[in-house]
């Protein structure tokens, strides 16, 4: 079950001055246990903790490691800009009761393509509790109902067994692979998954 709610957005330290007197109110996606939302001031510290854990950052070859405060601020700024843009799809994942940061779930259009890719990460302390699939399910519904997409894509490293299990739960099917260029590993192979939306 998914609920979409419009709420005021917290402003992190690096946010620039608003250009209008009225801020947009990015939506939130709610599940039984989770709130998919925009950034809060309190998110930077747990974000940096997760992004400096090799178990998380190893799957994001385009992100810097070690991950410094400025890097985290840039990423949170990107989330804010996305949620205020024409195709919002980048969300932080938080506990619905405590609002503690658990991870992130995103829908992003690949540059130069019409394809939207599903992405996600969960901080290791929350692994094994089904949070990744729970966070991504409302995104698939949102992609169909609000972005009017007929299919979604995902890319995963061949040896990322946990991520492949999440995609299987979400009814994605492997259909191809491609070589990508990363900042740490150079060229590397990624498996491509697809799910048709109905």
Protein backbone atom coordinates (compact mmCIF):
# COMPACT_ATOMS: atom_id res chain seq x y z
CA UNK A 1 0.00 0.00 0.00
CA UNK A 2 1.36 3.41 -0.94
CA UNK A 3 0.38 6.91 0.09
CA UNK A 4 1.65 10.09 -1.57
CA UNK A 5 1.82 13.19 0.58
CA UNK A 6 2.98 16.75 -0.06
CA UNK A 7 5.03 18.19 2.77
CA UNK A 8 7.38 21.16 3.29
CA UNK A 9 10.99 20.26 2.68
CA UNK A 10 13.76 20.77 5.21
CA UNK A 11 16.64 22.94 4.07
CA UNK A 12 20.21 21.63 4.43
CA UNK A 13 23.13 23.93 5.12
CA UNK A 14 24.25 24.14 1.49
CA UNK A 15 20.89 25.11 0.08
CA UNK A 16 20.92 28.35 -1.85
CA UNK A 17 18.51 31.17 -1.12
CA UNK A 18 15.06 30.57 -2.57
CA UNK A 19 14.34 32.51 -5.73
CA UNK A 20 10.67 32.86 -4.85
CA UNK A 21 8.71 33.42 -1.67
CA UNK A 22 6.94 30.11 -2.03
CA UNK A 23 8.92 26.86 -1.93
CA UNK A 24 7.76 23.82 -3.80
CA UNK A 25 6.61 20.97 -1.58
CA UNK A 26 8.17 17.73 -2.82
CA UNK A 27 6.00 14.70 -2.32
CA UNK A 28 6.63 11.85 0.03
CA UNK A 29 5.91 8.18 -0.57
CA UNK A 30 4.80 6.22 2.47
CA UNK A 31 4.79 2.49 3.17
CA UNK A 32 3.93 0.60 6.35
CA UNK A 33 7.42 1.12 7.80
CA UNK A 34 9.10 3.70 5.60
CA UNK A 35 8.94 7.31 4.49
CA UNK A 36 10.52 8.20 1.13
CA UNK A 37 11.28 11.89 1.43
CA UNK A 38 13.59 14.78 0.72
CA UNK A 39 16.71 15.62 2.78
CA UNK A 40 16.78 16.86 6.36
CA UNK A 41 19.65 18.64 8.11
CA UNK A 42 20.14 15.53 10.24
CA UNK A 43 20.72 13.26 7.22
CA UNK A 44 24.28 14.34 6.42
CA UNK A 45 26.01 12.45 9.25
CA UNK A 46 24.33 9.04 8.65
CA UNK A 47 24.73 9.53 4.89
CA UNK A 48 28.49 9.99 5.28
CA UNK A 49 28.67 6.99 7.60
CA UNK A 50 26.99 4.79 4.96
CA UNK A 51 28.94 6.19 2.02
CA UNK A 52 32.22 5.53 3.82
CA UNK A 53 31.31 1.90 4.42
CA UNK A 54 32.92 -0.16 1.65
CA UNK A 55 30.02 -2.62 1.75
CA UNK A 56 27.83 0.20 0.36
CA UNK A 57 30.11 2.42 -1.70
CA UNK A 58 31.75 -0.44 -3.63
CA UNK A 59 28.62 -0.66 -5.80
CA UNK A 60 28.72 3.05 -6.74
CA UNK A 61 31.85 3.45 -8.82
CA UNK A 62 30.92 6.99 -9.86
CA UNK A 63 30.84 8.25 -6.25
CA UNK A 64 34.00 9.38 -4.44
CA UNK A 65 35.60 7.24 -1.76
CA UNK A 66 36.43 8.25 0.89
CA UNK A 67 33.22 10.30 0.95
CA UNK A 68 33.79 13.72 2.53
CA UNK A 69 31.27 16.17 3.95
CA UNK A 70 31.32 18.26 0.78
CA UNK A 71 30.55 15.13 -1.27
CA UNK A 72 27.55 14.36 0.90
CA UNK A 73 26.29 17.92 0.63
CA UNK A 74 26.56 17.77 -3.17
CA UNK A 75 24.51 14.56 -3.27
CA UNK A 76 21.82 15.93 -0.94
CA UNK A 77 21.68 19.05 -3.11
CA UNK A 78 21.11 16.83 -6.14
CA UNK A 79 18.21 15.13 -4.35
CA UNK A 80 16.63 18.50 -3.58
CA UNK A 81 17.03 19.69 -7.16
CA UNK A 82 15.54 16.44 -8.48
CA UNK A 83 12.50 16.59 -6.21
CA UNK A 84 11.88 20.18 -7.27
CA UNK A 85 12.30 19.30 -10.95
CA UNK A 86 9.92 18.07 -13.65
CA UNK A 87 10.62 14.34 -13.09
CA UNK A 88 11.07 13.85 -9.34
CA UNK A 89 12.35 10.42 -8.43
CA UNK A 90 15.23 10.68 -5.93
CA UNK A 91 14.20 9.94 -2.37
CA UNK A 92 15.87 9.31 0.94
CA UNK A 93 14.43 6.34 2.81
CA UNK A 94 13.65 6.90 6.50
CA UNK A 95 11.93 5.06 9.31
CA UNK A 96 8.31 6.23 9.29
CA UNK A 97 8.25 6.66 13.08
CA UNK A 98 11.73 7.86 14.08
CA UNK A 99 12.57 9.50 10.70
CA UNK A 100 16.09 8.04 10.99
CA UNK A 101 17.85 7.69 7.64
CA UNK A 102 17.90 4.09 6.37
CA UNK A 103 19.02 4.53 2.77
CA UNK A 104 17.86 5.87 -0.57
CA UNK A 105 15.69 4.81 -3.50
CA UNK A 106 15.79 6.55 -6.85
CA UNK A 107 14.28 6.69 -10.31
CA UNK A 108 16.59 8.45 -12.73
CA UNK A 109 16.57 8.86 -16.48
CA UNK A 110 19.80 7.74 -18.07
CA UNK A 111 21.47 10.62 -19.89
CA UNK A 112 20.61 10.64 -23.59
CA UNK A 113 17.99 7.92 -23.13
CA UNK A 114 14.29 7.55 -22.44
CA UNK A 115 14.97 4.76 -19.95
CA UNK A 116 14.38 5.29 -16.25
CA UNK A 117 16.62 3.25 -13.94
CA UNK A 118 15.72 2.12 -10.45
CA UNK A 119 18.47 2.48 -7.86
CA UNK A 120 18.72 1.91 -4.13
CA UNK A 121 21.01 1.45 -1.16
CA UNK A 122 20.38 0.53 2.46
CA UNK A 123 22.77 1.21 5.34
CA UNK A 124 24.29 -2.09 6.56
CA UNK A 125 22.77 -1.86 10.05
CA UNK A 126 19.35 -2.22 8.39
CA UNK A 127 20.18 -5.12 6.08
CA UNK A 128 18.14 -8.30 6.15
CA UNK A 129 14.85 -6.63 7.09
CA UNK A 130 13.28 -6.25 3.63
CA UNK A 131 13.70 -2.48 3.51
CA UNK A 132 15.14 -2.31 -0.03
CA UNK A 133 12.20 -4.08 -1.69
CA UNK A 134 9.70 -2.21 0.51
CA UNK A 135 11.21 1.14 -0.46
CA UNK A 136 11.28 0.31 -4.17
CA UNK A 137 7.73 -0.99 -4.52
CA UNK A 138 6.07 2.44 -4.20
CA UNK A 139 8.59 3.79 -6.70
CA UNK A 140 7.45 1.25 -9.30
CA UNK A 141 3.84 2.27 -8.68
CA UNK A 142 4.78 5.93 -8.85
CA UNK A 143 6.65 5.35 -12.13
CA UNK A 144 3.55 3.85 -13.71
CA UNK A 145 0.83 6.05 -12.19
CA UNK A 146 2.55 9.45 -12.21
CA UNK A 147 5.43 9.30 -14.67
CA UNK A 148 3.31 7.18 -17.04
CA UNK A 149 6.11 4.72 -17.72
CA UNK A 150 5.49 1.35 -19.32
CA UNK A 151 8.76 -0.21 -18.17
CA UNK A 152 11.58 0.29 -15.70
CA UNK A 153 15.23 -0.70 -15.86
CA UNK A 154 17.96 -1.48 -13.35
CA UNK A 155 21.68 -2.19 -13.57
CA UNK A 156 23.54 -4.39 -11.11
CA UNK A 157 27.06 -5.77 -10.80
CA UNK A 158 27.19 -9.52 -11.58
CA UNK A 159 28.50 -10.37 -8.09
CA UNK A 160 26.00 -8.21 -6.16
CA UNK A 161 23.81 -11.11 -5.06
CA UNK A 162 21.75 -9.11 -2.55
CA UNK A 163 20.76 -6.51 -5.14
CA UNK A 164 19.81 -9.21 -7.63
CA UNK A 165 17.54 -10.78 -5.00
CA UNK A 166 15.82 -7.43 -4.48
CA UNK A 167 15.19 -7.06 -8.22
CA UNK A 168 13.80 -10.58 -8.37
CA UNK A 169 11.33 -9.75 -5.58
CA UNK A 170 10.31 -6.67 -7.56
CA UNK A 171 9.63 -8.83 -10.66
CA UNK A 172 12.55 -7.50 -12.70
CA UNK A 173 14.10 -9.89 -15.22
CA UNK A 174 17.66 -9.90 -16.53
CA UNK A 175 17.76 -9.23 -20.27
CA UNK A 176 21.22 -7.98 -21.25
CA UNK A 177 24.54 -6.56 -20.04
CA UNK A 178 26.76 -3.62 -20.88
CA UNK A 179 30.22 -2.26 -20.16
CA UNK A 180 30.43 0.96 -18.19
CA UNK A 181 33.22 3.35 -17.33
CA UNK A 182 33.80 4.03 -13.63
CA UNK A 183 36.10 6.32 -11.68
CA UNK A 184 37.70 3.58 -9.54
CA UNK A 185 37.36 0.29 -11.41
CA UNK A 186 37.53 1.60 -14.97
CA UNK A 187 35.55 -0.49 -17.44
CA UNK A 188 33.26 -2.95 -15.72
CA UNK A 189 30.35 -5.14 -16.75
CA UNK A 190 26.83 -4.53 -15.47
CA UNK A 191 23.81 -6.79 -15.79
CA UNK A 192 20.69 -5.06 -17.07
CA UNK A 193 17.24 -5.83 -15.72
CA UNK A 194 13.81 -4.78 -16.92
CA UNK A 195 10.26 -4.84 -15.62
CA UNK A 196 7.12 -4.11 -17.58
CA UNK A 197 4.65 -1.95 -15.68
CA UNK A 198 0.94 -2.56 -15.82
